């Protein structure tokens, strides 16, 4: 006699969550079976993250029911969720900056384990899954990619029955993604259910056997993604396929950014020394920098943006001017605009409205004596919201009220709208949907075609191949020679991420032509 079928691992029915400016979820029903990897797909602001937070107990629904393993539950907080066997890796990390990696992980586990035992388990898990991390490092010294590794390890250490992953691969290399997928497939084969949010449609098609599509907070479709194409998934999610990028041949102008022999010792004991970095970006080109997070990208960006002014003046030139000792304001006056990878805290002040967040990098609406022209500021914010299709409750909506992808669109839009001579962008489409990613990349290419010099630092190789004219790779604080996009392959860039680049004649010639 066959045993009775197991109840669904998770069953949501009629979940509704209202906020003052928006209904985030409206009558959402979703079922996840034991051992199933289930994708939740939708454009930015569709209600995916709110739904995951309801399951995890960090948001309370206004209506609807939650069943876990066949039993009705009311998950009041994340502690209760973890006790049930639910773990979550957030898109916006929930880590304490002043504590170490081990201490952060320990806080999320039951206290029957000593800190030393947790440290040992972190090291073992990190080695097993290829998620390199030092348990003794304070979190404030980590890059965004390294913070994500901490979140993933913390979730895996709880041996969850349901693992919720919100954009887990957005800052992982292709090799690390492959390793993570091996882990996730093994977890699923052992009976762990996985709820997977990603804007990378090829990942969903490879990994997931079921998919629920949200649009405007409502379920608009259910499918098996392995039977769909990227185009059909795009149509389900945003009602259309994203427009194809127009990548015209570059018309190179004069160098706008020149970095010569940039060497800086790390300011943090857990940072990376920069060693003899040489780089040039000309008007009318996009130069991409690939690499595993934590290999000196943060230190390089600080030196380029003016947050680190220790470089000799001639080591960094902007628009022909020695700028190594200039701060961010002085570099902005030369035409440099910068989009950091950390949206909340550096890219935007969480508690300020979008209009007032413009004042971080834009002075158009500031009059004589420092008086703010509020009407002009709000019009400017409204224009950016409209141009970049930002879903927000108006120009005075606080930055923290936006979904991650919509805040990214606003911050990138703020800097593109400034018509810079030099735009430096870190992770331009991290966490944004396929339609928004296509739009941001299209705007970057339009800037380039208008004569702007663009430097993009990204861990999305597909993105760099799509928009770059030339590529470098950063590894262990050193920068590879440049390689033309047409000559680059995923395999070659993957090798270079380990510092294994050779000064081949054609590569050296390509580098020399840009110096």
Protein backbone atom coordinates (compact mmCIF):
# COMPACT_ATOMS: atom_id res chain seq x y z
CA UNK A 1 0.00 0.00 0.00
CA UNK A 2 1.41 3.37 -1.03
CA UNK A 3 2.02 5.93 1.76
CA UNK A 4 -0.31 8.95 1.66
CA UNK A 5 1.10 11.92 -0.29
CA UNK A 6 2.94 14.54 1.71
CA UNK A 7 1.09 17.83 2.23
CA UNK A 8 2.47 20.91 0.44
CA UNK A 9 5.51 22.38 2.15
CA UNK A 10 3.94 25.84 1.82
CA UNK A 11 0.44 26.92 0.81
CA UNK A 12 -0.59 30.58 0.66
CA UNK A 13 -4.22 31.52 0.05
CA UNK A 14 -5.61 35.01 -0.58
CA UNK A 15 -2.60 36.90 0.81
CA UNK A 16 -3.20 40.67 0.73
CA UNK A 17 -0.95 43.44 2.04
CA UNK A 18 -1.82 47.14 1.73
CA UNK A 19 0.44 50.14 2.31
CA UNK A 20 -0.70 53.79 2.26
CA UNK A 21 0.55 54.39 -1.29
CA UNK A 22 0.19 50.92 -2.81
CA UNK A 23 -1.37 47.46 -2.53
CA UNK A 24 1.76 45.29 -2.53
CA UNK A 25 -0.06 41.92 -2.64
CA UNK A 26 -3.67 41.35 -3.68
CA UNK A 27 -5.25 37.92 -3.12
CA UNK A 28 -2.04 35.99 -3.80
CA UNK A 29 -2.20 32.18 -3.67
CA UNK A 30 0.89 29.99 -4.11
CA UNK A 31 1.76 26.35 -3.40
CA UNK A 32 5.25 24.87 -3.00
CA UNK A 33 5.75 21.10 -2.78
CA UNK A 34 8.46 19.31 -0.75
CA UNK A 35 11.72 19.27 -2.69
CA UNK A 36 10.42 21.73 -5.28
CA UNK A 37 12.39 24.74 -6.51
CA UNK A 38 9.71 27.32 -7.20
CA UNK A 39 10.43 30.65 -8.89
CA UNK A 40 8.54 33.85 -8.13
CA UNK A 41 8.85 36.10 -11.16
CA UNK A 42 7.80 39.71 -11.63
CA UNK A 43 9.05 43.15 -12.51
CA UNK A 44 10.31 45.58 -9.86
CA UNK A 45 7.51 46.57 -7.52
CA UNK A 46 5.37 43.53 -8.44
CA UNK A 47 5.19 42.49 -4.77
CA UNK A 48 7.68 39.61 -4.71
CA UNK A 49 9.80 40.79 -1.77
CA UNK A 50 6.75 41.74 0.30
CA UNK A 51 5.32 38.24 -0.22
CA UNK A 52 8.62 36.63 0.85
CA UNK A 53 8.74 38.83 3.97
CA UNK A 54 5.22 37.69 4.87
CA UNK A 55 6.31 34.04 4.63
CA UNK A 56 9.40 34.82 6.74
CA UNK A 57 7.41 36.69 9.40
CA UNK A 58 8.97 40.12 8.98
CA UNK A 59 5.74 41.56 7.49
CA UNK A 60 2.20 40.77 8.67
CA UNK A 61 -0.46 40.24 5.97
CA UNK A 62 -3.78 42.09 6.17
CA UNK A 63 -5.70 39.10 4.81
CA UNK A 64 -5.13 35.49 3.83
CA UNK A 65 -3.79 32.25 5.29
CA UNK A 66 -0.43 30.47 5.46
CA UNK A 67 -0.10 26.69 5.81
CA UNK A 68 3.30 25.05 6.42
CA UNK A 69 3.60 21.27 6.13
CA UNK A 70 -0.21 21.06 6.14
CA UNK A 71 -0.65 23.07 9.35
CA UNK A 72 -2.11 26.58 9.56
CA UNK A 73 0.51 28.96 10.94
CA UNK A 74 0.78 32.64 11.80
CA UNK A 75 4.45 33.50 11.54
CA UNK A 76 4.86 36.52 13.81
CA UNK A 77 8.60 37.11 13.34
CA UNK A 78 11.71 35.64 11.69
CA UNK A 79 12.60 33.74 14.88
CA UNK A 80 9.35 31.79 14.60
CA UNK A 81 10.01 31.26 10.89
CA UNK A 82 13.45 29.79 11.58
CA UNK A 83 11.98 27.57 14.33
CA UNK A 84 9.53 26.19 11.74
CA UNK A 85 12.38 25.55 9.30
CA UNK A 86 12.11 28.63 7.06
CA UNK A 87 15.29 30.56 6.19
CA UNK A 88 15.67 33.58 3.93
CA UNK A 89 18.49 35.37 2.13
CA UNK A 90 17.39 38.97 1.62
CA UNK A 91 18.24 41.16 -1.34
CA UNK A 92 18.94 43.96 1.16
CA UNK A 93 21.17 42.38 3.77
CA UNK A 94 20.29 42.23 7.47
CA UNK A 95 23.77 42.27 8.99
CA UNK A 96 25.24 44.28 11.88
CA UNK A 97 28.19 46.30 10.54
CA UNK A 98 30.14 46.40 13.79
CA UNK A 99 30.03 42.64 14.42
CA UNK A 100 32.15 39.97 12.78
CA UNK A 101 30.89 37.48 10.21
CA UNK A 102 30.81 34.72 12.83
CA UNK A 103 28.92 36.88 15.34
CA UNK A 104 26.32 37.83 12.72
CA UNK A 105 25.77 34.19 11.80
CA UNK A 106 25.65 33.15 15.46
CA UNK A 107 22.82 35.64 16.13
CA UNK A 108 20.64 33.82 13.63
CA UNK A 109 21.23 30.36 15.06
CA UNK A 110 20.04 28.66 18.19
CA UNK A 111 22.41 29.47 21.03
CA UNK A 112 23.19 25.84 21.90
CA UNK A 113 26.33 26.23 19.77
CA UNK A 114 29.33 28.16 21.07
CA UNK A 115 30.76 30.94 18.93
CA UNK A 116 33.91 28.88 18.29
CA UNK A 117 31.79 25.98 17.00
CA UNK A 118 29.82 28.35 14.72
CA UNK A 119 33.11 29.76 13.40
CA UNK A 120 34.29 26.24 12.55
CA UNK A 121 30.98 25.45 10.80
CA UNK A 122 31.15 28.67 8.76
CA UNK A 123 34.64 27.78 7.54
CA UNK A 124 33.50 24.26 6.61
CA UNK A 125 30.36 25.45 4.78
CA UNK A 126 32.28 28.20 2.99
CA UNK A 127 34.81 25.66 1.74
CA UNK A 128 32.11 23.15 0.77
CA UNK A 129 30.15 25.68 -1.29
CA UNK A 130 33.02 27.76 -2.66
CA UNK A 131 31.82 30.87 -0.79
CA UNK A 132 35.16 32.18 0.44
CA UNK A 133 34.79 34.26 3.61
CA UNK A 134 36.81 34.94 6.79
CA UNK A 135 34.61 34.44 9.91
CA UNK A 136 36.73 36.92 11.90
CA UNK A 137 36.19 39.89 9.57
CA UNK A 138 33.94 42.74 10.72
CA UNK A 139 30.99 43.10 8.35
CA UNK A 140 31.71 46.79 7.66
CA UNK A 141 34.92 45.75 5.86
CA UNK A 142 33.08 43.44 3.42
CA UNK A 143 32.05 44.22 -0.14
CA UNK A 144 28.43 43.73 -1.16
CA UNK A 145 29.30 40.40 -2.78
CA UNK A 146 31.01 39.17 0.39
CA UNK A 147 27.99 40.22 2.49
CA UNK A 148 25.79 38.12 0.24
CA UNK A 149 28.04 35.12 0.84
CA UNK A 150 27.56 35.62 4.60
CA UNK A 151 23.77 35.67 4.19
CA UNK A 152 23.79 32.49 2.10
CA UNK A 153 26.04 30.64 4.55
CA UNK A 154 23.91 31.79 7.50
CA UNK A 155 20.79 30.42 5.82
CA UNK A 156 22.40 27.09 4.89
CA UNK A 157 23.65 26.53 8.45
CA UNK A 158 20.03 26.34 9.72
CA UNK A 159 19.36 23.19 7.61
CA UNK A 160 16.08 24.71 6.36
CA UNK A 161 12.97 22.90 5.10
CA UNK A 162 12.10 25.99 3.05
CA UNK A 163 14.85 28.26 1.77
CA UNK A 164 13.86 31.66 0.34
CA UNK A 165 16.45 33.26 -1.93
CA UNK A 166 15.93 36.86 -3.11
CA UNK A 167 18.34 37.60 -6.00
CA UNK A 168 21.02 35.23 -4.60
CA UNK A 169 23.36 35.29 -7.61
CA UNK A 170 23.33 39.01 -8.37
CA UNK A 171 26.91 39.51 -7.16
CA UNK A 172 28.37 36.02 -7.74
CA UNK A 173 30.73 35.01 -10.54
CA UNK A 174 29.62 32.39 -13.10
CA UNK A 175 31.81 29.80 -11.39
CA UNK A 176 30.29 30.60 -7.97
CA UNK A 177 26.78 30.45 -9.47
CA UNK A 178 27.52 26.98 -10.83
CA UNK A 179 28.67 25.84 -7.38
CA UNK A 180 25.61 27.38 -5.73
CA UNK A 181 23.32 25.60 -8.19
CA UNK A 182 24.96 22.28 -7.34
CA UNK A 183 24.21 23.01 -3.67
CA UNK A 184 20.61 24.05 -4.35
CA UNK A 185 19.90 21.00 -6.51
CA UNK A 186 21.34 18.76 -3.78
CA UNK A 187 19.21 20.49 -1.13
CA UNK A 188 16.10 20.02 -3.27
CA UNK A 189 16.92 16.34 -3.84
CA UNK A 190 17.07 15.92 -0.05
CA UNK A 191 13.56 17.35 0.33
CA UNK A 192 14.30 21.03 0.99
CA UNK A 193 11.87 23.35 -0.82
CA UNK A 194 13.29 26.50 -2.39
CA UNK A 195 11.52 29.74 -3.26
CA UNK A 196 13.71 31.49 -5.79
CA UNK A 197 13.48 35.14 -6.86
CA UNK A 198 15.71 36.19 -9.72
CA UNK A 199 15.58 38.45 -12.75
CA UNK A 200 17.99 36.12 -14.57
CA UNK A 201 15.56 34.14 -16.69
CA UNK A 202 18.13 31.54 -17.80
CA UNK A 203 18.74 30.69 -14.11
CA UNK A 204 15.04 30.19 -13.47
CA UNK A 205 14.74 27.96 -16.53
CA UNK A 206 17.71 25.83 -15.43
CA UNK A 207 16.93 25.55 -11.74
CA UNK A 208 13.16 25.73 -11.22
CA UNK A 209 10.37 23.26 -11.98
CA UNK A 210 7.51 25.66 -11.17
CA UNK A 211 6.99 29.40 -11.45
CA UNK A 212 4.39 31.86 -10.17
CA UNK A 213 4.26 35.19 -12.00
CA UNK A 214 3.24 38.40 -10.20
CA UNK A 215 2.24 41.63 -11.89
CA UNK A 216 0.98 44.61 -9.91
CA UNK A 217 0.72 42.50 -6.75
CA UNK A 218 -1.53 39.85 -8.34
CA UNK A 219 -0.83 36.35 -9.66
CA UNK A 220 -1.06 36.54 -13.45
CA UNK A 221 0.33 33.15 -14.40
CA UNK A 222 1.76 29.79 -13.30
CA UNK A 223 4.08 27.76 -15.52
CA UNK A 224 6.94 25.28 -15.71
CA UNK A 225 9.88 27.54 -16.63
CA UNK A 226 11.88 24.68 -18.13
CA UNK A 227 9.22 24.53 -20.86
CA UNK A 228 9.41 28.30 -21.53
CA UNK A 229 11.87 30.52 -23.39
CA UNK A 230 13.41 33.74 -22.08
CA UNK A 231 11.11 35.62 -24.45
CA UNK A 232 7.94 33.90 -23.22
CA UNK A 233 8.92 34.42 -19.57
CA UNK A 234 9.53 38.11 -20.33
CA UNK A 235 6.08 38.39 -21.87
CA UNK A 236 4.51 36.74 -18.80
CA UNK A 237 6.39 39.08 -16.47
CA UNK A 238 6.24 42.49 -18.17
CA UNK A 239 3.76 41.92 -20.99
CA UNK A 240 6.42 42.29 -23.69
CA UNK A 241 9.96 41.35 -24.63
CA UNK A 242 12.62 43.89 -23.63
CA UNK A 243 13.82 45.98 -26.57
CA UNK A 244 17.03 44.88 -28.26
CA UNK A 245 20.01 47.09 -27.47
CA UNK A 246 21.38 49.23 -30.27
CA UNK A 247 25.17 48.87 -30.00
CA UNK A 248 26.66 51.17 -32.64
CA UNK A 249 30.39 51.28 -33.45
CA UNK A 250 32.13 53.60 -30.99
CA UNK A 251 33.43 57.01 -32.09
CA UNK A 252 36.35 57.55 -29.77
CA UNK A 253 37.23 61.01 -28.51
CA UNK A 254 39.92 62.25 -26.13
CA UNK A 255 40.72 60.42 -22.88
CA UNK A 256 38.42 61.57 -20.07
CA UNK A 257 39.73 59.25 -17.34
CA UNK A 258 43.37 58.20 -17.14
CA UNK A 259 44.75 56.13 -14.26
CA UNK A 260 48.54 55.73 -14.25
CA UNK A 261 50.47 53.55 -11.82
CA UNK A 262 47.82 53.79 -9.08
CA UNK A 263 49.16 51.98 -6.03
CA UNK A 264 47.52 52.37 -2.62
CA UNK A 265 47.88 50.39 0.57
CA UNK A 266 44.66 49.17 2.11
CA UNK A 267 43.05 51.45 4.69
CA UNK A 268 41.34 48.52 6.39
CA UNK A 269 43.21 45.43 7.64
CA UNK A 270 40.70 43.39 5.60
CA UNK A 271 40.93 45.54 2.47
CA UNK A 272 42.95 44.99 -0.68
CA UNK A 273 46.13 46.79 -1.76
CA UNK A 274 45.93 48.34 -5.22
CA UNK A 275 49.02 47.57 -7.29
CA UNK A 276 50.08 49.63 -10.33
CA UNK A 277 46.57 50.00 -11.76
CA UNK A 278 46.58 51.45 -15.29
CA UNK A 279 43.34 52.35 -17.01
CA UNK A 280 42.03 54.71 -19.66
CA UNK A 281 38.47 55.58 -20.67
CA UNK A 282 37.91 57.78 -23.71
CA UNK A 283 34.89 59.85 -24.70
CA UNK A 284 32.46 57.68 -26.62
CA UNK A 285 33.30 54.27 -25.13
CA UNK A 286 32.14 51.96 -22.37
CA UNK A 287 34.92 50.18 -20.50
CA UNK A 288 33.86 47.29 -18.25
CA UNK A 289 35.65 45.87 -15.21
CA UNK A 290 34.80 42.28 -14.27
CA UNK A 291 35.96 40.34 -11.23
CA UNK A 292 34.96 38.51 -8.08
CA UNK A 293 33.73 40.87 -5.37
CA UNK A 294 36.41 41.79 -2.83
CA UNK A 295 39.39 41.91 -5.22
CA UNK A 296 39.99 45.65 -5.00
CA UNK A 297 36.96 47.00 -6.86
CA UNK A 298 35.79 48.94 -3.80
CA UNK A 299 39.23 50.45 -3.22
CA UNK A 300 39.54 51.41 -6.90
CA UNK A 301 36.10 53.03 -6.95
CA UNK A 302 36.88 55.03 -3.79
CA UNK A 303 40.08 56.29 -5.44
CA UNK A 304 38.24 57.21 -8.66
CA UNK A 305 35.20 58.85 -7.03
CA UNK A 306 37.25 61.03 -4.68
CA UNK A 307 36.29 59.30 -1.44
CA UNK A 308 39.94 58.23 -1.10
CA UNK A 309 42.25 61.16 -1.85
CA UNK A 310 45.59 59.54 -0.97
CA UNK A 311 46.72 59.02 -4.58
CA UNK A 312 49.33 61.35 -6.04
CA UNK A 313 47.58 64.01 -8.17
CA UNK A 314 48.86 62.63 -11.50
CA UNK A 315 47.81 59.04 -10.74
CA UNK A 316 44.18 59.91 -11.52
CA UNK A 317 43.38 62.37 -14.30
CA UNK A 318 39.83 63.53 -15.06
CA UNK A 319 39.26 65.56 -18.24
CA UNK A 320 43.00 66.24 -18.45
CA UNK A 321 43.25 67.56 -14.89
CA UNK A 322 45.32 65.84 -12.14
CA UNK A 323 42.60 64.74 -9.73
CA UNK A 324 44.21 62.27 -7.32
CA UNK A 325 43.86 64.63 -4.36
CA UNK A 326 40.47 66.13 -5.32
CA UNK A 327 37.35 65.25 -3.35
CA UNK A 328 33.99 64.15 -4.84
CA UNK A 329 32.63 67.71 -5.29
CA UNK A 330 35.71 68.90 -7.17
CA UNK A 331 35.64 65.83 -9.42
CA UNK A 332 31.93 66.36 -10.04
CA UNK A 333 32.75 69.88 -11.19
CA UNK A 334 35.02 68.27 -13.81
CA UNK A 335 32.07 66.21 -15.05
CA UNK A 336 32.50 62.94 -13.12
CA UNK A 337 29.29 61.34 -11.79
CA UNK A 338 29.32 58.15 -9.76
CA UNK A 339 26.78 55.42 -8.88
CA UNK A 340 27.90 53.35 -5.86
CA UNK A 341 26.94 49.71 -5.37
CA UNK A 342 25.33 50.36 -1.96
CA UNK A 343 21.94 51.91 -2.71
CA UNK A 344 20.78 52.72 0.80
CA UNK A 345 23.28 54.68 2.88
CA UNK A 346 25.64 55.78 0.11
CA UNK A 347 23.51 56.05 -3.02
CA UNK A 348 20.54 57.47 -1.13
CA UNK A 349 19.57 58.57 2.38
CA UNK A 350 16.86 56.06 3.41
CA UNK A 351 14.65 58.52 5.33
CA UNK A 352 14.80 61.37 2.79
CA UNK A 353 12.36 61.79 -0.08
CA UNK A 354 13.51 61.15 -3.63
CA UNK A 355 13.49 64.87 -4.46
CA UNK A 356 15.77 65.76 -1.55
CA UNK A 357 18.02 62.79 -2.39
CA UNK A 358 18.85 64.62 -5.61
CA UNK A 359 20.77 67.13 -3.49
CA UNK A 360 23.41 64.47 -2.74
CA UNK A 361 24.90 64.94 -6.21
CA UNK A 362 22.90 67.65 -7.98
CA UNK A 363 22.81 71.38 -7.31
CA UNK A 364 20.43 72.52 -10.07
CA UNK A 365 17.66 73.41 -7.61
CA UNK A 366 19.86 75.29 -5.12
CA UNK A 367 19.62 79.06 -5.37
CA UNK A 368 21.65 81.93 -3.97
CA UNK A 369 22.62 81.64 -0.35
CA UNK A 370 21.94 77.89 -0.41
CA UNK A 371 18.14 78.25 -0.58
CA UNK A 372 16.48 75.12 -1.99
CA UNK A 373 13.94 75.68 -4.77
CA UNK A 374 11.58 72.94 -3.62
CA UNK A 375 9.25 73.19 -6.64
CA UNK A 376 12.14 72.86 -9.09
CA UNK A 377 13.58 69.97 -7.07
CA UNK A 378 10.28 68.09 -7.13
CA UNK A 379 9.87 68.69 -10.88
CA UNK A 380 13.36 67.32 -11.46
CA UNK A 381 12.59 64.21 -9.38
CA UNK A 382 9.25 63.76 -11.16
CA UNK A 383 11.00 63.91 -14.54
CA UNK A 384 13.49 61.18 -13.50
CA UNK A 385 10.66 59.03 -12.07
CA UNK A 386 8.83 59.31 -15.40
CA UNK A 387 11.82 58.87 -17.67
CA UNK A 388 13.09 55.76 -15.86
CA UNK A 389 9.66 54.29 -15.04
CA UNK A 390 10.30 54.34 -11.28
CA UNK A 391 7.39 52.98 -9.25
CA UNK A 392 7.16 55.37 -6.30
CA UNK A 393 4.53 57.34 -4.42
CA UNK A 394 5.70 60.60 -5.97
CA UNK A 395 8.83 62.78 -5.67
CA UNK A 396 8.58 62.95 -1.87
CA UNK A 397 8.37 59.18 -1.30
CA UNK A 398 11.22 58.14 0.99
CA UNK A 399 14.08 56.20 -0.56
CA UNK A 400 13.53 53.23 1.76
CA UNK A 401 9.88 52.92 0.66
CA UNK A 402 10.94 51.85 -2.85
CA UNK A 403 11.70 48.29 -3.92
CA UNK A 404 15.41 47.65 -4.49
CA UNK A 405 15.08 47.69 -8.26
CA UNK A 406 13.07 50.91 -8.34
CA UNK A 407 15.54 52.68 -6.07
CA UNK A 408 18.35 51.50 -8.36
CA UNK A 409 16.52 52.95 -11.37
CA UNK A 410 16.16 56.30 -9.59
CA UNK A 411 19.81 56.52 -8.48
CA UNK A 412 21.16 55.54 -11.92
CA UNK A 413 18.66 57.93 -13.49
CA UNK A 414 19.76 60.77 -11.22
CA UNK A 415 23.36 60.50 -12.44
CA UNK A 416 22.55 59.86 -16.12
CA UNK A 417 20.16 62.84 -16.12
CA UNK A 418 23.08 65.07 -15.05
CA UNK A 419 24.64 64.66 -18.55
CA UNK A 420 28.09 63.72 -17.19
CA UNK A 421 31.36 63.79 -19.15
CA UNK A 422 32.46 60.70 -17.22
CA UNK A 423 30.05 58.22 -15.62
CA UNK A 424 31.38 55.56 -13.26
CA UNK A 425 28.75 52.94 -12.34
CA UNK A 426 29.05 50.02 -9.96
CA UNK A 427 26.56 47.15 -10.48
CA UNK A 428 24.19 49.23 -12.64
CA UNK A 429 21.38 46.66 -12.89
CA UNK A 430 21.77 44.72 -9.66
CA UNK A 431 18.32 43.44 -8.68
CA UNK A 432 16.33 45.11 -11.46
CA UNK A 433 13.92 43.27 -13.78
CA UNK A 434 14.72 42.45 -17.40
CA UNK A 435 12.77 45.40 -18.76
CA UNK A 436 14.42 47.89 -16.41
CA UNK A 437 17.86 46.36 -16.99
CA UNK A 438 17.42 46.76 -20.74
CA UNK A 439 16.39 50.38 -20.23
CA UNK A 440 19.35 51.23 -17.97
CA UNK A 441 21.79 49.57 -20.38
CA UNK A 442 20.18 51.41 -23.27
CA UNK A 443 20.56 54.74 -21.45
CA UNK A 444 24.24 53.96 -20.76
CA UNK A 445 24.81 53.25 -24.47
CA UNK A 446 22.95 56.44 -25.42
CA UNK A 447 25.27 58.40 -23.09
CA UNK A 448 28.27 56.77 -24.75
CA UNK A 449 26.92 57.58 -28.22
CA UNK A 450 26.53 61.21 -27.09
CA UNK A 451 30.25 61.32 -26.27
CA UNK A 452 30.30 60.42 -22.57
CA UNK A 453 33.09 58.21 -21.21
CA UNK A 454 31.59 55.34 -19.18
CA UNK A 455 33.28 52.96 -16.74
CA UNK A 456 31.12 50.05 -15.54
CA UNK A 457 32.16 47.77 -12.68
CA UNK A 458 29.89 44.72 -12.65
CA UNK A 459 29.83 41.09 -11.64
CA UNK A 460 27.21 40.43 -14.33
CA UNK A 461 29.33 39.09 -17.18
CA UNK A 462 26.36 39.05 -19.56
CA UNK A 463 25.87 42.74 -18.86
CA UNK A 464 29.51 43.61 -19.50
CA UNK A 465 29.54 41.64 -22.76
CA UNK A 466 26.36 43.43 -23.81
CA UNK A 467 27.42 47.04 -23.24
CA UNK A 468 31.22 47.22 -23.10
CA UNK A 469 33.59 48.15 -25.91
CA UNK A 470 36.58 46.91 -23.93
CA UNK A 471 36.95 44.80 -20.79
CA UNK A 472 39.40 44.55 -17.89
CA UNK A 473 39.38 42.06 -15.02
CA UNK A 474 40.28 42.92 -11.42
CA UNK A 475 41.99 40.26 -9.29
CA UNK A 476 43.91 40.66 -6.01
CA UNK A 477 44.18 44.43 -6.40
CA UNK A 478 45.62 44.28 -9.92
CA UNK A 479 43.96 45.14 -13.21
CA UNK A 480 44.37 42.96 -16.28
CA UNK A 481 45.24 44.32 -19.70
CA UNK A 482 42.18 45.42 -21.65
CA UNK A 483 40.61 43.14 -24.20
CA UNK A 484 38.18 44.08 -26.94
CA UNK A 485 34.68 42.80 -26.28
CA UNK A 486 34.74 40.89 -29.59
CA UNK A 487 37.83 38.96 -28.44
CA UNK A 488 36.57 38.18 -24.91
CA UNK A 489 34.96 34.88 -23.90
CA UNK A 490 33.33 33.81 -20.66
CA UNK A 491 36.03 31.16 -20.26
CA UNK A 492 38.88 33.64 -20.70
CA UNK A 493 37.35 36.22 -18.35
CA UNK A 494 36.68 33.45 -15.81
CA UNK A 495 40.39 32.48 -15.92
CA UNK A 496 41.46 36.09 -15.55
CA UNK A 497 39.28 36.41 -12.44
CA UNK A 498 41.86 34.19 -10.74
CA UNK A 499 44.65 36.54 -11.83
CA UNK A 500 45.70 34.22 -14.66
CA UNK A 501 46.12 36.65 -17.52
CA UNK A 502 48.94 36.46 -20.01
CA UNK A 503 50.40 39.47 -21.80
CA UNK A 504 49.64 37.95 -25.20
CA UNK A 505 50.84 40.05 -28.14
CA UNK A 506 47.37 40.90 -29.44
CA UNK A 507 46.17 41.83 -25.94
CA UNK A 508 49.23 43.96 -25.30
CA UNK A 509 48.71 45.70 -28.65
CA UNK A 510 45.07 46.38 -27.79
CA UNK A 511 46.13 47.85 -24.44
CA UNK A 512 48.83 49.98 -26.06
CA UNK A 513 46.34 51.46 -28.54
CA UNK A 514 44.40 52.95 -25.62
CA UNK A 515 47.28 54.42 -23.65
